[in-house]
Amino acid sequence: MSENANAENLYLYGWAPTDEIREYRRQHKSAKKYDKRTELKEAIKNYVNQGDYIVFSGLGSVRNPMAAVYEIIRQNIGDLTVAAKGSQHDWQLLAAAGLITKAEIAYGFGDEVRGLCPASRRAVKNGSLKILSEMTNAGFQWRFSAAARGISFFPTRTALGTDTLHYSGAKVIEDPFSGEKINLLPACYPDIAIIHVHRADKYGNCQIDGNITLDVDLAHAAKKVIVTAEKIVPEEEIQKRPDLTKIPFFVVDAVVEVPYGSHPNQVPYLYSFDEEHWMKWLKASASDEGVQQYLDEFIRSTKDHYEYLEKIGGIAKLRELENIENRTIPHPTVSTRGALK
């Protein structure tokens, strides 16, 4: 980030001059196809660094790269800044583990229908987590849209007249066409985006079934991109349905096959939420001691994602979640914080 730009705007984070980003991409991204497959441990070790600005795929509790989050916790990579643009459980676990210390916030402190997340809220109250800026969900999406398109800002009027404007890093100018006020949201270029998809080939062409949320823009905006996929498939299978290929290979740096990589969250059409496990987290997150016990039991004590899957119930639990998603068995009652009382 330009030091002069930040000196002029206390809430400007994740921004960089567009020519600087273009030069980075010329040096670090390739249009040549090569095999990008790797193991999750190696992908996190090689591409996620202490102090990075990080962003995750999905929206709410759907299609989040949870296996990658668990591996960041195992490797204890900290002092991270997060773009909390609408996903929750991923970055909240990292904040609860003390690894995220700064956050730009749109919607980030809730577990959706399950209620507010006390672990990340405690981190703000005790000073271990600093809020850098605030904006709307739409505003955050437009920041990534600007970055993906190689422009330094996105023009909008939605925040004019609101307090959010003053904490968003935006600037207000006169529209040269109408003469009216317009606010410019700064582009956002994360250091690393981790995106979970349904299928990918070894080169990094990624297919997503259902809602793609912000993930296409995230992939084009971030400097580095790790893709975790439920399945790595032959290139020929990707080519059969090119309309489903949302993220192209040339923006991806690493591809990892991670089945059930979003547990306890949902991957549409494949498996549903694990409500039983969600209740365990809701109970644990009520206290700092509970959080540490949860992290120790399910993450730090497991050497990899496959041991984690065994810990949460193994193949029997995973088949149950598939059947719930396929509606061959009823969906259980959704776990909520209110059910704890």
Protein backbone atom coordinates (compact mmCIF):
# COMPACT_ATOMS: atom_id res chain seq x y z
CA MET A 1 0.00 0.00 0.00
CA SER A 2 1.18 3.52 -0.78
CA GLU A 3 2.28 5.22 2.45
CA ASN A 4 1.23 8.61 1.11
CA ALA A 5 -2.23 7.32 0.25
CA ASN A 6 -2.68 5.83 3.72
CA ALA A 7 -1.46 9.03 5.39
CA GLU A 8 -4.26 10.91 3.65
CA ASN A 9 -6.93 8.35 4.59
CA LEU A 10 -6.78 6.57 7.97
CA TYR A 11 -9.26 3.90 6.83
CA LEU A 12 -7.55 2.94 3.57
CA TYR A 13 -6.39 -0.68 3.72
CA GLY A 14 -5.80 -3.33 1.08
CA TRP A 15 -5.40 -0.72 -1.64
CA ALA A 16 -2.45 -0.41 -4.02
CA PRO A 17 -1.68 1.53 -7.22
CA THR A 18 -3.05 -0.37 -10.21
CA ASP A 19 0.25 -0.27 -12.10
CA GLU A 20 1.97 -1.84 -9.10
CA ILE A 21 -0.52 -4.72 -9.16
CA ARG A 22 -0.16 -5.12 -12.94
CA GLU A 23 3.59 -5.42 -12.53
CA TYR A 24 3.14 -7.98 -9.74
CA ARG A 25 0.92 -10.08 -12.00
CA ARG A 26 3.36 -9.88 -14.89
CA GLN A 27 6.07 -11.26 -12.63
CA HIS A 28 4.09 -13.85 -10.66
CA LYS A 29 1.19 -15.06 -12.81
CA SER A 30 1.55 -17.21 -15.91
CA ALA A 31 -0.74 -17.97 -18.84
CA LYS A 32 1.02 -21.31 -19.28
CA LYS A 33 -0.73 -24.41 -18.08
CA TYR A 34 1.19 -26.43 -15.52
CA ASP A 35 0.29 -28.86 -12.75
CA LYS A 36 -0.52 -26.87 -9.60
CA ARG A 37 -1.60 -29.76 -7.40
CA THR A 38 -0.14 -29.88 -3.92
CA GLU A 39 -0.96 -30.98 -0.38
CA LEU A 40 -2.88 -28.66 1.93
CA LYS A 41 -0.04 -28.41 4.43
CA GLU A 42 2.37 -27.33 1.69
CA ALA A 43 -0.07 -24.87 0.12
CA ILE A 44 -0.60 -23.07 3.43
CA LYS A 45 3.11 -23.14 4.26
CA ASN A 46 4.14 -21.76 0.86
CA TYR A 47 1.46 -19.14 0.24
CA VAL A 48 0.12 -17.85 3.57
CA ASN A 49 2.55 -15.61 5.41
CA GLN A 50 2.62 -13.95 8.81
CA GLY A 51 0.97 -10.53 8.49
CA ASP A 52 -0.95 -11.26 5.27
CA TYR A 53 -4.23 -9.64 4.30
CA ILE A 54 -6.49 -12.68 3.78
CA VAL A 55 -9.97 -13.32 2.40
CA PHE A 56 -12.08 -16.48 2.20
CA SER A 57 -14.65 -17.80 -0.26
CA GLY A 58 -18.32 -18.40 0.30
CA LEU A 59 -21.03 -16.46 2.01
CA GLY A 60 -22.27 -16.94 5.54
CA SER A 61 -21.69 -20.60 6.36
CA VAL A 62 -21.76 -21.90 2.79
CA ARG A 63 -18.74 -23.17 0.84
CA ASN A 64 -16.10 -21.75 3.17
CA PRO A 65 -12.55 -23.22 2.98
CA MET A 66 -12.62 -24.56 6.53
CA ALA A 67 -9.96 -27.23 6.02
CA ALA A 68 -7.52 -24.47 5.02
CA VAL A 69 -8.50 -22.48 8.12
CA TYR A 70 -7.75 -25.49 10.31
CA GLU A 71 -4.35 -25.88 8.70
CA ILE A 72 -3.51 -22.19 9.30
CA ILE A 73 -4.31 -22.83 12.97
CA ARG A 74 -2.10 -25.93 13.03
CA GLN A 75 0.77 -23.93 11.54
CA ASN A 76 0.06 -20.99 13.87
CA ILE A 77 0.34 -18.32 11.13
CA GLY A 78 -0.68 -15.09 12.82
CA ASP A 79 -0.95 -11.31 12.74
CA LEU A 80 -3.37 -11.69 9.84
CA THR A 81 -5.71 -9.00 8.55
CA VAL A 82 -9.05 -10.24 7.22
CA ALA A 83 -11.60 -8.93 4.78
CA ALA A 84 -14.75 -9.94 6.70
CA LYS A 85 -17.06 -9.39 3.77
CA GLY A 86 -19.84 -11.81 4.61
CA SER A 87 -18.34 -15.11 5.70
CA GLN A 88 -18.09 -15.74 9.41
CA HIS A 89 -16.99 -19.10 10.82
CA ASP A 90 -13.71 -19.17 8.90
CA TRP A 91 -12.22 -15.92 10.12
CA GLN A 92 -13.89 -16.15 13.55
CA LEU A 93 -12.03 -19.37 14.33
CA LEU A 94 -8.77 -17.66 13.38
CA ALA A 95 -9.64 -14.65 15.52
CA ALA A 96 -10.56 -16.95 18.42
CA ALA A 97 -7.18 -18.63 17.99
CA GLY A 98 -5.49 -15.23 18.21
CA LEU A 99 -4.23 -15.38 14.62
CA ILE A 100 -6.32 -12.57 13.12
CA THR A 101 -5.48 -9.27 14.75
CA LYS A 102 -7.04 -6.77 12.32
CA ALA A 103 -10.28 -6.79 10.35
CA GLU A 104 -12.12 -4.77 7.75
CA ILE A 105 -15.78 -5.42 8.42
CA ALA A 106 -18.96 -5.60 6.40
CA TYR A 107 -20.95 -8.42 8.03
CA GLY A 108 -18.66 -10.50 10.16
CA PHE A 109 -19.68 -10.96 13.79
CA GLY A 110 -22.67 -13.24 13.39
CA ASP A 111 -23.16 -16.96 12.85
CA GLU A 112 -26.15 -16.13 10.66
CA VAL A 113 -29.32 -17.77 12.00
CA ARG A 114 -27.27 -19.27 14.84
CA GLY A 115 -26.80 -15.89 16.50
CA LEU A 116 -23.88 -13.57 17.23
CA CYS A 117 -20.39 -14.98 17.67
CA PRO A 118 -19.10 -14.15 21.16
CA ALA A 119 -15.51 -15.30 20.51
CA SER A 120 -14.70 -12.65 17.91
CA ARG A 121 -16.68 -10.01 19.83
CA ARG A 122 -14.60 -10.75 22.94
CA ALA A 123 -11.45 -10.32 20.88
CA VAL A 124 -12.53 -6.79 19.96
CA LYS A 125 -13.44 -5.95 23.55
CA ASN A 126 -10.13 -7.18 24.97
CA GLY A 127 -8.10 -5.39 22.31
CA SER A 128 -6.61 -8.42 20.58
CA LEU A 129 -8.64 -7.69 17.43
CA LYS A 130 -8.65 -4.20 15.89
CA ILE A 131 -11.40 -3.03 13.53
CA LEU A 132 -9.78 -1.09 10.69
CA SER A 133 -12.77 0.03 8.63
CA GLU A 134 -16.47 -0.58 8.09
CA MET A 135 -18.65 -0.76 5.00
CA THR A 136 -21.68 -2.54 3.60
CA ASN A 137 -21.60 -6.00 2.03
CA ALA A 138 -22.25 -4.39 -1.35
CA GLY A 139 -19.46 -1.90 -0.74
CA PHE A 140 -16.97 -4.66 -0.04
CA GLN A 141 -18.02 -6.57 -3.14
CA TRP A 142 -17.52 -3.46 -5.25
CA ARG A 143 -14.01 -3.00 -3.83
CA PHE A 144 -13.09 -6.48 -5.09
CA SER A 145 -14.90 -5.79 -8.37
CA ALA A 146 -12.74 -2.72 -8.92
CA ALA A 147 -9.57 -4.67 -8.12
CA ALA A 148 -10.56 -7.53 -10.44
CA ARG A 149 -11.03 -5.04 -13.26
CA GLY A 150 -7.76 -3.26 -12.71
CA ILE A 151 -9.20 0.09 -11.64
CA SER A 152 -8.42 1.88 -8.40
CA PHE A 153 -11.96 2.61 -7.22
CA PHE A 154 -15.64 1.82 -7.65
CA PRO A 155 -18.11 4.73 -7.90
CA THR A 156 -21.37 4.52 -5.94
CA ARG A 157 -23.82 6.71 -4.04
CA THR A 158 -25.11 4.16 -1.53
CA ALA A 159 -23.07 5.33 1.46
CA LEU A 160 -23.62 9.06 1.04
CA GLY A 161 -25.27 10.56 4.10
CA THR A 162 -24.33 7.63 6.35
CA ASP A 163 -21.78 7.25 9.14
CA THR A 164 -20.42 4.16 7.38
CA LEU A 165 -18.96 6.38 4.67
CA HIS A 166 -16.54 7.97 7.13
CA TYR A 167 -15.09 4.60 8.22
CA SER A 168 -14.88 2.96 4.80
CA GLY A 169 -11.78 4.48 3.22
CA ALA A 170 -13.97 6.05 0.50
CA LYS A 171 -13.59 9.53 -0.90
CA VAL A 172 -16.35 11.88 -2.03
CA ILE A 173 -15.96 13.86 -5.25
CA GLU A 174 -18.16 15.78 -7.64
CA ASP A 175 -19.53 13.65 -10.46
CA PRO A 176 -18.08 15.28 -13.61
CA PHE A 177 -21.23 14.46 -15.56
CA SER A 178 -24.06 15.39 -13.19
CA GLY A 179 -22.29 17.70 -10.76
CA GLU A 180 -23.71 15.68 -7.85
CA LYS A 181 -21.70 14.08 -5.06
CA ILE A 182 -20.44 10.54 -5.57
CA ASN A 183 -18.30 8.36 -3.32
CA LEU A 184 -15.39 6.30 -4.59
CA LEU A 185 -14.71 3.01 -2.82
CA PRO A 186 -11.03 2.00 -2.98
CA ALA A 187 -10.12 -1.23 -4.74
CA CYS A 188 -9.05 -4.06 -2.43
CA TYR A 189 -6.14 -6.37 -3.32
CA PRO A 190 -5.75 -9.10 -0.66
CA ASP A 191 -2.40 -10.82 -0.32
CA ILE A 192 -4.10 -14.22 -0.38
CA ALA A 193 -7.55 -15.58 -1.25
CA ILE A 194 -8.49 -19.14 -0.29
CA ILE A 195 -11.45 -20.40 -2.29
CA HIS A 196 -13.32 -23.70 -1.91
CA VAL A 197 -14.98 -25.09 -5.04
CA HIS A 198 -16.86 -28.16 -6.18
CA ARG A 199 -14.39 -29.25 -8.87
CA ALA A 200 -11.08 -28.17 -10.33
CA ASP A 201 -8.54 -29.59 -12.75
CA LYS A 202 -4.84 -29.78 -12.01
CA TYR A 203 -4.21 -26.45 -13.73
CA GLY A 204 -6.65 -24.51 -11.56
CA ASN A 205 -9.75 -24.20 -13.71
CA CYS A 206 -12.54 -24.20 -11.13
CA GLN A 207 -16.22 -25.04 -11.32
CA ILE A 208 -18.80 -23.91 -8.78
CA ASP A 209 -22.36 -25.21 -8.63
CA GLY A 210 -24.94 -22.72 -7.41
CA ASN A 211 -24.23 -19.30 -5.96
CA ILE A 212 -20.72 -18.06 -6.75
CA THR A 213 -21.01 -15.15 -4.25
CA LEU A 214 -17.95 -12.85 -4.64
CA ASP A 215 -15.51 -15.58 -5.48
CA VAL A 216 -14.80 -14.75 -9.12
CA ASP A 217 -13.84 -11.19 -8.19
CA LEU A 218 -11.81 -12.44 -5.21
CA ALA A 219 -9.80 -14.74 -7.44
CA HIS A 220 -8.95 -11.93 -9.84
CA ALA A 221 -8.31 -9.36 -7.11
CA ALA A 222 -5.96 -11.32 -4.82
CA LYS A 223 -2.22 -11.47 -5.35
CA LYS A 224 -2.13 -15.20 -4.48
CA VAL A 225 -4.94 -17.75 -4.79
CA ILE A 226 -5.19 -21.17 -3.15
CA VAL A 227 -8.06 -23.35 -4.39
CA THR A 228 -9.32 -26.23 -2.28
CA ALA A 229 -11.61 -28.52 -4.25
CA GLU A 230 -13.98 -31.27 -3.25
CA LYS A 231 -12.58 -33.16 -6.20
CA ILE A 232 -9.79 -32.73 -8.74
CA VAL A 233 -11.05 -33.98 -12.10
CA PRO A 234 -9.49 -34.43 -15.56
CA GLU A 235 -9.32 -31.37 -17.78
CA GLU A 236 -11.67 -33.14 -20.20
CA GLU A 237 -14.43 -33.15 -17.60
CA ILE A 238 -14.04 -29.41 -17.07
CA GLN A 239 -14.21 -28.86 -20.83
CA LYS A 240 -17.53 -30.71 -21.10
CA ARG A 241 -19.27 -27.89 -19.19
CA PRO A 242 -17.26 -24.71 -19.77
CA ASP A 243 -20.24 -22.64 -18.60
CA LEU A 244 -19.62 -23.92 -15.06
CA THR A 245 -15.97 -22.83 -15.03
CA LYS A 246 -16.04 -19.65 -12.98
CA ILE A 247 -12.36 -19.23 -12.05
CA PRO A 248 -9.69 -19.61 -14.75
CA PHE A 249 -6.37 -21.37 -14.24
CA PHE A 250 -4.18 -18.33 -14.80
CA VAL A 251 -5.21 -16.60 -11.55
CA VAL A 252 -4.68 -19.72 -9.38
CA ASP A 253 -1.38 -20.52 -7.65
CA ALA A 254 -2.14 -23.84 -5.92
CA VAL A 255 -4.81 -26.53 -6.19
CA VAL A 256 -5.57 -28.96 -3.36
CA GLU A 257 -8.09 -31.82 -3.31
CA VAL A 258 -9.89 -31.58 0.04
CA PRO A 259 -13.11 -33.64 0.22
CA TYR A 260 -15.58 -32.30 2.77
CA GLY A 261 -13.33 -29.27 2.99
CA SER A 262 -16.08 -26.97 4.22
CA HIS A 263 -17.24 -29.04 7.22
CA PRO A 264 -19.17 -28.19 9.41
CA ASN A 265 -20.60 -25.89 6.76
CA GLN A 266 -22.51 -26.67 3.59
CA VAL A 267 -21.36 -27.26 0.04
CA PRO A 268 -24.57 -27.03 -2.03
CA TYR A 269 -25.65 -30.26 -3.72
CA LEU A 270 -22.94 -32.29 -1.95
CA TYR A 271 -23.40 -32.18 1.83
CA SER A 272 -25.32 -30.20 4.41
CA PHE A 273 -24.42 -28.41 7.64
CA ASP A 274 -23.33 -30.56 10.55
CA GLU A 275 -25.75 -29.21 13.14
CA GLU A 276 -24.42 -31.51 15.87
CA HIS A 277 -20.91 -30.18 15.40
CA TRP A 278 -22.15 -26.61 15.15
CA MET A 279 -23.73 -27.01 18.57
CA LYS A 280 -20.37 -28.11 19.95
CA TRP A 281 -18.80 -24.91 18.63
CA LEU A 282 -21.64 -22.72 19.90
CA LYS A 283 -21.18 -24.15 23.39
CA ALA A 284 -17.40 -23.85 23.24
CA SER A 285 -17.39 -20.28 21.95
CA ALA A 286 -19.22 -19.05 25.06
CA SER A 287 -15.88 -18.80 26.89
CA ASP A 288 -12.19 -18.43 26.11
CA GLU A 289 -11.53 -21.71 27.91
CA GLY A 290 -14.15 -23.47 25.80
CA VAL A 291 -12.62 -22.08 22.61
CA GLN A 292 -9.17 -23.40 23.48
CA GLN A 293 -10.57 -26.81 24.39
CA TYR A 294 -12.42 -26.95 21.05
CA LEU A 295 -9.32 -25.93 19.07
CA ASP A 296 -7.20 -28.48 20.94
CA GLU A 297 -9.67 -31.33 20.50
CA PHE A 298 -10.64 -30.92 16.87
CA ILE A 299 -7.77 -29.04 15.21
CA ARG A 300 -4.47 -28.86 17.05
CA SER A 301 -4.56 -32.54 18.05
CA THR A 302 -5.22 -33.69 14.46
CA LYS A 303 -2.30 -33.85 12.04
CA ASP A 304 -4.38 -33.12 8.92
CA HIS A 305 -7.89 -32.76 7.54
CA TYR A 306 -8.43 -36.52 7.29
CA GLU A 307 -7.77 -37.02 10.98
CA TYR A 308 -10.16 -34.14 11.62
CA LEU A 309 -12.86 -35.90 9.60
CA GLU A 310 -12.38 -39.06 11.64
CA LYS A 311 -12.63 -37.00 14.83
CA ILE A 312 -16.00 -35.50 13.87
CA GLY A 313 -17.59 -38.86 13.12
CA GLY A 314 -15.90 -40.29 10.05
CA ILE A 315 -17.63 -41.80 7.06
CA ALA A 316 -20.91 -42.43 8.87
CA LYS A 317 -21.32 -38.73 9.73
CA LEU A 318 -20.28 -37.62 6.24
CA ARG A 319 -22.80 -39.96 4.57
CA GLU A 320 -25.48 -38.59 6.89
CA LEU A 321 -24.67 -35.02 5.80
CA GLU A 322 -24.83 -36.09 2.15
CA ASN A 323 -28.24 -37.66 2.71
CA ILE A 324 -29.52 -34.53 4.43
CA GLU A 325 -28.40 -32.43 1.47
CA ASN A 326 -30.01 -34.90 -0.94
CA ARG A 327 -33.21 -34.78 1.16
CA THR A 328 -33.34 -38.52 1.63
CA ILE A 329 -33.45 -37.88 5.38
CA PRO A 330 -34.93 -34.84 7.14
CA HIS A 331 -32.82 -31.84 8.02
CA PRO A 332 -32.30 -31.71 11.79
CA THR A 333 -33.17 -28.70 13.89
CA VAL A 334 -30.75 -25.88 13.13
CA SER A 335 -28.33 -25.28 16.00
CA THR A 336 -28.76 -21.82 17.48
CA ARG A 337 -27.28 -19.99 20.40
CA GLY A 338 -30.78 -19.64 21.78
CA ALA A 339 -30.94 -23.43 22.17
CA LEU A 340 -28.14 -23.21 24.73
CA LYS A 341 -30.36 -21.44 27.25
